[in-house]
Amino acid sequence: MQDPRIAELDDVLARVAAAIAAGEPVDAAAATLLLREYLDTNADASPLQDVLGLALAQALVSADDETTAVGRAAWLTVFVEATAVADDERIYPAVERLAAALRAEWPLLERIGDLSASVDACLRAALVLASGQLVQDAVDRLERVIGEAYRPGEGLVRARGGVRQRCDAADHVRGASALITAFELTGRLPYSMLAEELIAITGREPLEGADLEIHCEAARALCRLARLHDDSDYRGAAVIATGADYRAQAARILSAQSVQARAGSTSSAAAYGLALRDLLGHVR
């Protein structure tokens, strides 16, 4: 019997594609969802080809108008992945431009979540740009910021208004995601092991008050950790949480968000669809 979540994902994909075809503004989650589905199908025969072209054309305009670090990081990720298929000569320069702009503002970013999202995207861009220096600068910045805030057993802590407070779910989730990406590029086990601890701390304190996007990002980070745990070599080398079932945790998060995501905006549906794709990645 087919997993009902596959049909749910197909519904989300159809909704996002129809919205873009109808001229609805594109956000990075929608563009990324269509791009990843396109890459996983027969590109020459994909019915998504035309609508993806529309999405990427809009993305090039929207990225230039984006005002937040997290938003620019999301667009950079779109363009990095689009270099695999797009023949638009504007894509590679957009990667260069966004990576340089994000890198330049690292000293100005106060929130760990914003800095982590920016570093994460730049690490991905470094592969396309073949820039070992960007990788080194990104991991150095991540180490510095996470290291200053990390307290064993407590997670990320910052002084705000003279009061010492634990950082919020977005800081922990995005910090964990950036650390996983840093591990994937460098092979340094402390990065992935710290990511696992940050996610575990987030799990001990439910994501109450966090928006749907953060719930979906948490589910995606959990799925990435689950894939690491699938690797016997990784399990033999790393200190990991015994008995952790990260896919089950991700499934519970997404199950709780399903109604809201599908009844909400196209952007919410796309963010949910991305997380659902990651959860189903081992069977779809």
C-alpha atoms as a PDB file:
ATOM      1  CA  MET A   1       0.000   0.000   0.000  1.00  0.00           C
ATOM      2  CA  GLN A   2       1.317   3.429  -0.950  1.00  0.00           C
ATOM      3  CA  ASP A   3       2.305   5.712   1.902  1.00  0.00           C
ATOM      4  CA  PRO A   4      -0.501   8.327   2.137  1.00  0.00           C
ATOM      5  CA  ARG A   5       2.162  10.986   2.639  1.00  0.00           C
ATOM      6  CA  ILE A   6       3.272  10.460  -0.966  1.00  0.00           C
ATOM      7  CA  ALA A   7      -0.186  11.443  -2.183  1.00  0.00           C
ATOM      8  CA  GLU A   8      -0.098  14.395   0.206  1.00  0.00           C
ATOM      9  CA  LEU A   9       3.198  15.545  -1.266  1.00  0.00           C
ATOM     10  CA  ASP A  10       1.816  15.188  -4.787  1.00  0.00           C
ATOM     11  CA  ASP A  11      -1.088  17.442  -3.786  1.00  0.00           C
ATOM     12  CA  VAL A  12       1.304  20.059  -2.412  1.00  0.00           C
ATOM     13  CA  LEU A  13       3.432  19.948  -5.557  1.00  0.00           C
ATOM     14  CA  ALA A  14       0.364  20.382  -7.762  1.00  0.00           C
ATOM     15  CA  ARG A  15      -0.803  23.330  -5.678  1.00  0.00           C
ATOM     16  CA  VAL A  16       2.571  25.081  -5.805  1.00  0.00           C
ATOM     17  CA  ALA A  17       2.962  24.490  -9.554  1.00  0.00           C
ATOM     18  CA  ALA A  18      -0.546  25.790 -10.250  1.00  0.00           C
ATOM     19  CA  ALA A  19       0.056  28.915  -8.167  1.00  0.00           C
ATOM     20  CA  ILE A  20       3.256  29.744 -10.034  1.00  0.00           C
ATOM     21  CA  ALA A  21       1.659  29.040 -13.420  1.00  0.00           C
ATOM     22  CA  ALA A  22      -1.126  31.442 -12.457  1.00  0.00           C
ATOM     23  CA  GLY A  23       1.372  34.209 -11.770  1.00  0.00           C
ATOM     24  CA  GLU A  24       1.427  34.053  -7.988  1.00  0.00           C
ATOM     25  CA  PRO A  25       4.646  35.505  -6.515  1.00  0.00           C
ATOM     26  CA  VAL A  26       7.340  32.909  -5.936  1.00  0.00           C
ATOM     27  CA  ASP A  27       9.156  32.438  -2.654  1.00  0.00           C
ATOM     28  CA  ALA A  28      12.353  30.452  -2.174  1.00  0.00           C
ATOM     29  CA  ALA A  29      10.598  27.445  -0.628  1.00  0.00           C
ATOM     30  CA  ALA A  30       8.290  27.079  -3.636  1.00  0.00           C
ATOM     31  CA  ALA A  31      11.157  27.410  -6.115  1.00  0.00           C
ATOM     32  CA  THR A  32      13.283  24.908  -4.178  1.00  0.00           C
ATOM     33  CA  LEU A  33      10.453  22.387  -3.945  1.00  0.00           C
ATOM     34  CA  LEU A  34       9.825  22.458  -7.699  1.00  0.00           C
ATOM     35  CA  LEU A  35      13.536  22.378  -8.486  1.00  0.00           C
ATOM     36  CA  ARG A  36      14.218  19.328  -6.321  1.00  0.00           C
ATOM     37  CA  GLU A  37      11.237  17.465  -7.726  1.00  0.00           C
ATOM     38  CA  TYR A  38      12.384  18.321 -11.234  1.00  0.00           C
ATOM     39  CA  LEU A  39      15.907  17.095 -10.527  1.00  0.00           C
ATOM     40  CA  ASP A  40      14.540  13.804  -9.218  1.00  0.00           C
ATOM     41  CA  THR A  41      12.451  13.117 -12.324  1.00  0.00           C
ATOM     42  CA  ASN A  42      13.262  12.662 -15.982  1.00  0.00           C
ATOM     43  CA  ALA A  43      14.108  16.278 -16.756  1.00  0.00           C
ATOM     44  CA  ASP A  44      13.364  16.065 -20.477  1.00  0.00           C
ATOM     45  CA  ALA A  45       9.876  14.709 -19.865  1.00  0.00           C
ATOM     46  CA  SER A  46       9.051  16.542 -16.643  1.00  0.00           C
ATOM     47  CA  PRO A  47       5.763  18.452 -16.670  1.00  0.00           C
ATOM     48  CA  LEU A  48       7.446  20.844 -14.216  1.00  0.00           C
ATOM     49  CA  GLN A  49       9.918  22.142 -16.787  1.00  0.00           C
ATOM     50  CA  ASP A  50       7.903  25.163 -17.912  1.00  0.00           C
ATOM     51  CA  VAL A  51       6.667  26.194 -14.491  1.00  0.00           C
ATOM     52  CA  LEU A  52      10.166  25.815 -13.049  1.00  0.00           C
ATOM     53  CA  GLY A  53      11.431  28.194 -15.720  1.00  0.00           C
ATOM     54  CA  LEU A  54       8.837  30.732 -14.585  1.00  0.00           C
ATOM     55  CA  ALA A  55       9.826  30.216 -10.955  1.00  0.00           C
ATOM     56  CA  LEU A  56      13.542  30.765 -11.601  1.00  0.00           C
ATOM     57  CA  ALA A  57      12.883  33.852 -13.720  1.00  0.00           C
ATOM     58  CA  GLN A  58      10.863  35.332 -10.849  1.00  0.00           C
ATOM     59  CA  ALA A  59      13.495  34.239  -8.349  1.00  0.00           C
ATOM     60  CA  LEU A  60      16.190  36.313 -10.037  1.00  0.00           C
ATOM     61  CA  VAL A  61      14.067  39.411  -9.483  1.00  0.00           C
ATOM     62  CA  SER A  62      12.846  38.518  -6.000  1.00  0.00           C
ATOM     63  CA  ALA A  63      16.351  37.784  -4.699  1.00  0.00           C
ATOM     64  CA  ASP A  64      17.498  41.308  -5.521  1.00  0.00           C
ATOM     65  CA  ASP A  65      14.559  42.738  -3.568  1.00  0.00           C
ATOM     66  CA  GLU A  66      15.053  40.526  -0.490  1.00  0.00           C
ATOM     67  CA  THR A  67      15.898  42.477   2.670  1.00  0.00           C
ATOM     68  CA  THR A  68      16.605  39.748   5.252  1.00  0.00           C
ATOM     69  CA  ALA A  69      19.676  37.561   5.677  1.00  0.00           C
ATOM     70  CA  VAL A  70      17.549  34.414   6.021  1.00  0.00           C
ATOM     71  CA  GLY A  71      15.645  35.307   2.852  1.00  0.00           C
ATOM     72  CA  ARG A  72      18.797  35.979   0.836  1.00  0.00           C
ATOM     73  CA  ALA A  73      20.288  32.722   2.123  1.00  0.00           C
ATOM     74  CA  ALA A  74      17.224  30.838   0.911  1.00  0.00           C
ATOM     75  CA  TRP A  75      17.498  32.390  -2.565  1.00  0.00           C
ATOM     76  CA  LEU A  76      21.204  31.589  -2.704  1.00  0.00           C
ATOM     77  CA  THR A  77      20.376  27.942  -2.022  1.00  0.00           C
ATOM     78  CA  VAL A  78      17.884  28.003  -4.908  1.00  0.00           C
ATOM     79  CA  PHE A  79      20.469  29.331  -7.344  1.00  0.00           C
ATOM     80  CA  VAL A  80      23.169  26.934  -6.151  1.00  0.00           C
ATOM     81  CA  GLU A  81      20.881  23.988  -6.870  1.00  0.00           C
ATOM     82  CA  ALA A  82      19.678  25.543 -10.132  1.00  0.00           C
ATOM     83  CA  THR A  83      23.208  25.531 -11.539  1.00  0.00           C
ATOM     84  CA  ALA A  84      22.718  21.795 -12.097  1.00  0.00           C
ATOM     85  CA  VAL A  85      19.997  22.333 -14.703  1.00  0.00           C
ATOM     86  CA  ALA A  86      19.451  25.975 -15.596  1.00  0.00           C
ATOM     87  CA  ASP A  87      21.017  27.392 -18.749  1.00  0.00           C
ATOM     88  CA  ASP A  88      20.201  30.977 -17.747  1.00  0.00           C
ATOM     89  CA  GLU A  89      23.485  32.894 -17.837  1.00  0.00           C
ATOM     90  CA  ARG A  90      22.299  34.978 -14.873  1.00  0.00           C
ATOM     91  CA  ILE A  91      22.271  32.099 -12.381  1.00  0.00           C
ATOM     92  CA  TYR A  92      26.010  31.762 -11.709  1.00  0.00           C
ATOM     93  CA  PRO A  93      26.540  35.528 -11.273  1.00  0.00           C
ATOM     94  CA  ALA A  94      23.603  35.529  -8.865  1.00  0.00           C
ATOM     95  CA  VAL A  95      25.370  32.865  -6.783  1.00  0.00           C
ATOM     96  CA  GLU A  96      28.531  34.968  -6.717  1.00  0.00           C
ATOM     97  CA  ARG A  97      26.666  38.163  -5.879  1.00  0.00           C
ATOM     98  CA  LEU A  98      24.527  36.714  -3.087  1.00  0.00           C
ATOM     99  CA  ALA A  99      27.389  34.781  -1.505  1.00  0.00           C
ATOM    100  CA  ALA A 100      29.548  37.914  -1.419  1.00  0.00           C
ATOM    101  CA  ALA A 101      26.732  40.010   0.061  1.00  0.00           C
ATOM    102  CA  LEU A 102      25.937  37.450   2.754  1.00  0.00           C
ATOM    103  CA  ARG A 103      29.573  36.996   3.661  1.00  0.00           C
ATOM    104  CA  ALA A 104      30.079  40.751   3.997  1.00  0.00           C
ATOM    105  CA  GLU A 105      27.305  41.095   6.568  1.00  0.00           C
ATOM    106  CA  TRP A 106      28.356  38.251   8.903  1.00  0.00           C
ATOM    107  CA  PRO A 107      29.927  40.661  11.424  1.00  0.00           C
ATOM    108  CA  LEU A 108      26.647  42.586  11.574  1.00  0.00           C
ATOM    109  CA  LEU A 109      24.309  39.661  12.281  1.00  0.00           C
ATOM    110  CA  GLU A 110      23.306  39.444  15.928  1.00  0.00           C
ATOM    111  CA  ARG A 111      20.924  36.471  15.842  1.00  0.00           C
ATOM    112  CA  ILE A 112      22.531  33.039  15.700  1.00  0.00           C
ATOM    113  CA  GLY A 113      19.726  31.757  13.490  1.00  0.00           C
ATOM    114  CA  ASP A 114      20.318  34.483  10.902  1.00  0.00           C
ATOM    115  CA  LEU A 115      24.081  33.933  10.883  1.00  0.00           C
ATOM    116  CA  SER A 116      23.645  30.159  10.701  1.00  0.00           C
ATOM    117  CA  ALA A 117      21.274  30.344   7.732  1.00  0.00           C
ATOM    118  CA  SER A 118      23.702  32.660   5.946  1.00  0.00           C
ATOM    119  CA  VAL A 119      26.727  30.441   6.627  1.00  0.00           C
ATOM    120  CA  ASP A 120      24.779  27.328   5.619  1.00  0.00           C
ATOM    121  CA  ALA A 121      23.910  28.825   2.227  1.00  0.00           C
ATOM    122  CA  CYS A 122      27.457  30.089   1.661  1.00  0.00           C
ATOM    123  CA  LEU A 123      28.889  26.653   2.413  1.00  0.00           C
ATOM    124  CA  ARG A 124      26.652  25.214  -0.302  1.00  0.00           C
ATOM    125  CA  ALA A 125      27.662  28.014  -2.664  1.00  0.00           C
ATOM    126  CA  ALA A 126      31.339  27.301  -2.027  1.00  0.00           C
ATOM    127  CA  LEU A 127      30.984  24.008  -3.921  1.00  0.00           C
ATOM    128  CA  VAL A 128      29.676  25.779  -7.018  1.00  0.00           C
ATOM    129  CA  LEU A 129      32.230  28.562  -6.725  1.00  0.00           C
ATOM    130  CA  ALA A 130      35.036  26.057  -6.024  1.00  0.00           C
ATOM    131  CA  SER A 131      36.127  28.299  -3.166  1.00  0.00           C
ATOM    132  CA  GLY A 132      38.012  26.585  -0.385  1.00  0.00           C
ATOM    133  CA  GLN A 133      38.525  30.001   1.202  1.00  0.00           C
ATOM    134  CA  LEU A 134      34.769  30.523   1.477  1.00  0.00           C
ATOM    135  CA  VAL A 135      34.425  27.149   3.201  1.00  0.00           C
ATOM    136  CA  GLN A 136      37.171  28.042   5.671  1.00  0.00           C
ATOM    137  CA  ASP A 137      35.785  31.510   6.379  1.00  0.00           C
ATOM    138  CA  ALA A 138      32.275  30.120   6.834  1.00  0.00           C
ATOM    139  CA  VAL A 139      33.230  27.354   9.259  1.00  0.00           C
ATOM    140  CA  ASP A 140      35.478  29.753  11.182  1.00  0.00           C
ATOM    141  CA  ARG A 141      32.587  32.178  11.626  1.00  0.00           C
ATOM    142  CA  LEU A 142      30.195  29.403  12.587  1.00  0.00           C
ATOM    143  CA  GLU A 143      32.643  27.968  15.116  1.00  0.00           C
ATOM    144  CA  ARG A 144      33.173  31.388  16.677  1.00  0.00           C
ATOM    145  CA  VAL A 145      29.504  32.280  17.049  1.00  0.00           C
ATOM    146  CA  ILE A 146      28.276  28.843  18.137  1.00  0.00           C
ATOM    147  CA  GLY A 147      31.278  28.361  20.418  1.00  0.00           C
ATOM    148  CA  GLU A 148      30.646  31.648  22.231  1.00  0.00           C
ATOM    149  CA  ALA A 149      26.998  30.793  22.874  1.00  0.00           C
ATOM    150  CA  TYR A 150      27.127  27.034  23.504  1.00  0.00           C
ATOM    151  CA  ARG A 151      26.809  25.699  27.046  1.00  0.00           C
ATOM    152  CA  PRO A 152      26.920  21.895  27.529  1.00  0.00           C
ATOM    153  CA  GLY A 153      23.505  20.612  28.518  1.00  0.00           C
ATOM    154  CA  GLU A 154      21.898  24.003  27.970  1.00  0.00           C
ATOM    155  CA  GLY A 155      22.396  24.633  24.289  1.00  0.00           C
ATOM    156  CA  LEU A 156      22.855  28.126  22.910  1.00  0.00           C
ATOM    157  CA  VAL A 157      22.725  30.940  25.456  1.00  0.00           C
ATOM    158  CA  ARG A 158      23.084  34.674  24.958  1.00  0.00           C
ATOM    159  CA  ALA A 159      22.935  37.712  27.252  1.00  0.00           C
ATOM    160  CA  ARG A 160      20.054  39.962  26.226  1.00  0.00           C
ATOM    161  CA  GLY A 161      19.488  43.205  28.065  1.00  0.00           C
ATOM    162  CA  GLY A 162      21.911  42.033  30.704  1.00  0.00           C
ATOM    163  CA  VAL A 163      19.898  38.863  31.289  1.00  0.00           C
ATOM    164  CA  ARG A 164      21.265  35.435  30.336  1.00  0.00           C
ATOM    165  CA  GLN A 165      18.673  33.592  28.238  1.00  0.00           C
ATOM    166  CA  ARG A 166      18.540  30.465  26.142  1.00  0.00           C
ATOM    167  CA  CYS A 167      18.355  31.195  22.438  1.00  0.00           C
ATOM    168  CA  ASP A 168      15.123  30.355  20.667  1.00  0.00           C
ATOM    169  CA  ALA A 169      14.162  27.399  18.492  1.00  0.00           C
ATOM    170  CA  ALA A 170      15.179  29.133  15.258  1.00  0.00           C
ATOM    171  CA  ASP A 171      18.710  29.653  16.584  1.00  0.00           C
ATOM    172  CA  HIS A 172      19.044  25.996  17.597  1.00  0.00           C
ATOM    173  CA  VAL A 173      17.467  24.529  14.453  1.00  0.00           C
ATOM    174  CA  ARG A 174      19.341  26.727  11.987  1.00  0.00           C
ATOM    175  CA  GLY A 175      22.549  26.344  13.968  1.00  0.00           C
ATOM    176  CA  ALA A 176      22.177  22.564  13.784  1.00  0.00           C
ATOM    177  CA  SER A 177      21.501  22.655  10.050  1.00  0.00           C
ATOM    178  CA  ALA A 178      24.587  24.767   9.374  1.00  0.00           C
ATOM    179  CA  LEU A 179      26.701  22.422  11.500  1.00  0.00           C
ATOM    180  CA  ILE A 180      25.470  19.404   9.520  1.00  0.00           C
ATOM    181  CA  THR A 181      26.397  21.157   6.269  1.00  0.00           C
ATOM    182  CA  ALA A 182      29.808  22.015   7.731  1.00  0.00           C
ATOM    183  CA  PHE A 183      30.314  18.345   8.587  1.00  0.00           C
ATOM    184  CA  GLU A 184      29.302  17.269   5.086  1.00  0.00           C
ATOM    185  CA  LEU A 185      31.940  19.557   3.574  1.00  0.00           C
ATOM    186  CA  THR A 186      34.759  19.015   6.057  1.00  0.00           C
ATOM    187  CA  GLY A 187      34.148  15.591   7.602  1.00  0.00           C
ATOM    188  CA  ARG A 188      34.781  17.044  11.074  1.00  0.00           C
ATOM    189  CA  LEU A 189      32.731  14.917  13.476  1.00  0.00           C
ATOM    190  CA  PRO A 190      32.412  17.561  16.225  1.00  0.00           C
ATOM    191  CA  TYR A 191      30.164  19.572  13.915  1.00  0.00           C
ATOM    192  CA  SER A 192      27.583  16.839  13.370  1.00  0.00           C
ATOM    193  CA  MET A 193      27.760  15.702  16.987  1.00  0.00           C
ATOM    194  CA  LEU A 194      27.055  19.231  18.214  1.00  0.00           C
ATOM    195  CA  ALA A 195      24.216  19.500  15.700  1.00  0.00           C
ATOM    196  CA  GLU A 196      22.716  16.383  17.243  1.00  0.00           C
ATOM    197  CA  GLU A 197      22.941  17.903  20.708  1.00  0.00           C
ATOM    198  CA  LEU A 198      21.300  21.153  19.608  1.00  0.00           C
ATOM    199  CA  ILE A 199      18.433  19.230  18.015  1.00  0.00           C
ATOM    200  CA  ALA A 200      18.075  17.081  21.143  1.00  0.00           C
ATOM    201  CA  ILE A 201      17.810  20.200  23.301  1.00  0.00           C
ATOM    202  CA  THR A 202      15.181  21.602  20.960  1.00  0.00           C
ATOM    203  CA  GLY A 203      13.279  18.319  21.217  1.00  0.00           C
ATOM    204  CA  ARG A 204      13.233  18.441  25.023  1.00  0.00           C
ATOM    205  CA  GLU A 205      11.468  21.773  24.822  1.00  0.00           C
ATOM    206  CA  PRO A 206       8.678  21.540  22.231  1.00  0.00           C
ATOM    207  CA  LEU A 207       8.657  24.136  19.460  1.00  0.00           C
ATOM    208  CA  GLU A 208       5.786  26.012  21.049  1.00  0.00           C
ATOM    209  CA  GLY A 209       5.600  29.554  19.746  1.00  0.00           C
ATOM    210  CA  ALA A 210       7.763  28.748  16.712  1.00  0.00           C
ATOM    211  CA  ASP A 211       6.209  29.379  13.323  1.00  0.00           C
ATOM    212  CA  LEU A 212       5.454  26.667  10.796  1.00  0.00           C
ATOM    213  CA  GLU A 213       8.664  27.345   8.882  1.00  0.00           C
ATOM    214  CA  ILE A 214      10.801  26.526  11.922  1.00  0.00           C
ATOM    215  CA  HIS A 215       8.827  23.335  12.578  1.00  0.00           C
ATOM    216  CA  CYS A 216       9.521  22.294   8.979  1.00  0.00           C
ATOM    217  CA  GLU A 217      13.200  23.234   9.225  1.00  0.00           C
ATOM    218  CA  ALA A 218      13.465  21.181  12.413  1.00  0.00           C
ATOM    219  CA  ALA A 219      11.952  18.176  10.630  1.00  0.00           C
ATOM    220  CA  ARG A 220      14.417  18.571   7.773  1.00  0.00           C
ATOM    221  CA  ALA A 221      17.386  18.747  10.155  1.00  0.00           C
ATOM    222  CA  LEU A 222      16.133  15.596  11.875  1.00  0.00           C
ATOM    223  CA  CYS A 223      15.929  13.807   8.523  1.00  0.00           C
ATOM    224  CA  ARG A 224      19.514  14.811   7.739  1.00  0.00           C
ATOM    225  CA  LEU A 225      20.677  13.398  11.069  1.00  0.00           C
ATOM    226  CA  ALA A 226      18.716  10.219  10.355  1.00  0.00           C
ATOM    227  CA  ARG A 227      20.598   9.797   7.083  1.00  0.00           C
ATOM    228  CA  LEU A 228      23.895  10.144   8.948  1.00  0.00           C
ATOM    229  CA  HIS A 229      22.770   7.449  11.393  1.00  0.00           C
ATOM    230  CA  ASP A 230      22.001   5.173   8.424  1.00  0.00           C
ATOM    231  CA  ASP A 231      25.730   5.131   7.607  1.00  0.00           C
ATOM    232  CA  SER A 232      27.509   2.358   9.518  1.00  0.00           C
ATOM    233  CA  ASP A 233      30.883   4.094   9.144  1.00  0.00           C
ATOM    234  CA  TYR A 234      29.447   7.248  10.684  1.00  0.00           C
ATOM    235  CA  ARG A 235      27.877   5.313  13.543  1.00  0.00           C
ATOM    236  CA  GLY A 236      31.217   3.672  14.230  1.00  0.00           C
ATOM    237  CA  ALA A 237      33.126   6.961  14.294  1.00  0.00           C
ATOM    238  CA  ALA A 238      30.757   9.404  15.996  1.00  0.00           C
ATOM    239  CA  VAL A 239      29.327   9.580  19.490  1.00  0.00           C
ATOM    240  CA  ILE A 240      25.604   9.465  18.772  1.00  0.00           C
ATOM    241  CA  ALA A 241      22.400   9.448  20.776  1.00  0.00           C
ATOM    242  CA  THR A 242      21.581   5.814  21.546  1.00  0.00           C
ATOM    243  CA  GLY A 243      18.120   4.758  20.394  1.00  0.00           C
ATOM    244  CA  ALA A 244      17.363   8.049  18.653  1.00  0.00           C
ATOM    245  CA  ASP A 245      14.718   7.744  15.942  1.00  0.00           C
ATOM    246  CA  TYR A 246      15.002  11.016  14.127  1.00  0.00           C
ATOM    247  CA  ARG A 247      12.674  10.063  11.291  1.00  0.00           C
ATOM    248  CA  ALA A 248       9.938   9.279  13.790  1.00  0.00           C
ATOM    249  CA  GLN A 249      10.498  12.655  15.449  1.00  0.00           C
ATOM    250  CA  ALA A 250      10.315  14.400  12.079  1.00  0.00           C
ATOM    251  CA  ALA A 251       7.145  12.510  11.199  1.00  0.00           C
ATOM    252  CA  ARG A 252       5.482  13.612  14.444  1.00  0.00           C
ATOM    253  CA  ILE A 253       6.389  17.242  13.823  1.00  0.00           C
ATOM    254  CA  LEU A 254       5.019  17.177  10.292  1.00  0.00           C
ATOM    255  CA  SER A 255       1.882  15.319  11.280  1.00  0.00           C
ATOM    256  CA  ALA A 256       1.115  18.084  13.767  1.00  0.00           C
ATOM    257  CA  GLN A 257       1.666  20.765  11.092  1.00  0.00           C
ATOM    258  CA  SER A 258      -0.134  19.091   8.188  1.00  0.00           C
ATOM    259  CA  VAL A 259      -3.540  20.761   8.493  1.00  0.00           C
ATOM    260  CA  GLN A 260      -2.128  24.235   9.036  1.00  0.00           C
ATOM    261  CA  ALA A 261       0.392  23.887   6.215  1.00  0.00           C
ATOM    262  CA  ARG A 262      -2.076  22.700   3.630  1.00  0.00           C
ATOM    263  CA  ALA A 263      -4.748  25.221   4.613  1.00  0.00           C
ATOM    264  CA  GLY A 264      -2.322  28.134   4.696  1.00  0.00           C
ATOM    265  CA  SER A 265      -0.454  30.076   2.055  1.00  0.00           C
ATOM    266  CA  THR A 266       1.375  28.590  -0.899  1.00  0.00           C
ATOM    267  CA  SER A 267       4.597  29.473   0.927  1.00  0.00           C
ATOM    268  CA  SER A 268       3.537  27.444   3.975  1.00  0.00           C
ATOM    269  CA  ALA A 269       2.549  24.510   1.788  1.00  0.00           C
ATOM    270  CA  ALA A 270       5.911  24.647  -0.004  1.00  0.00           C
ATOM    271  CA  ALA A 271       7.897  24.701   3.265  1.00  0.00           C
ATOM    272  CA  TYR A 272       5.890  21.710   4.432  1.00  0.00           C
ATOM    273  CA  GLY A 273       6.385  19.960   1.087  1.00  0.00           C
ATOM    274  CA  LEU A 274      10.160  20.347   1.325  1.00  0.00           C
ATOM    275  CA  ALA A 275      10.187  18.720   4.753  1.00  0.00           C
ATOM    276  CA  LEU A 276       7.840  15.972   3.585  1.00  0.00           C
ATOM    277  CA  ARG A 277      10.171  15.240   0.642  1.00  0.00           C
ATOM    278  CA  ASP A 278      13.066  14.844   3.051  1.00  0.00           C
ATOM    279  CA  LEU A 279      11.050  12.517   5.249  1.00  0.00           C
ATOM    280  CA  LEU A 280      10.021  10.391   2.273  1.00  0.00           C
ATOM    281  CA  GLY A 281      13.454  10.512   0.651  1.00  0.00           C
ATOM    282  CA  HIS A 282      14.313   6.976   1.665  1.00  0.00           C
ATOM    283  CA  VAL A 283      11.197   5.525  -0.008  1.00  0.00           C
ATOM    284  CA  ARG A 284      10.192   7.954  -2.753  1.00  0.00           C
END
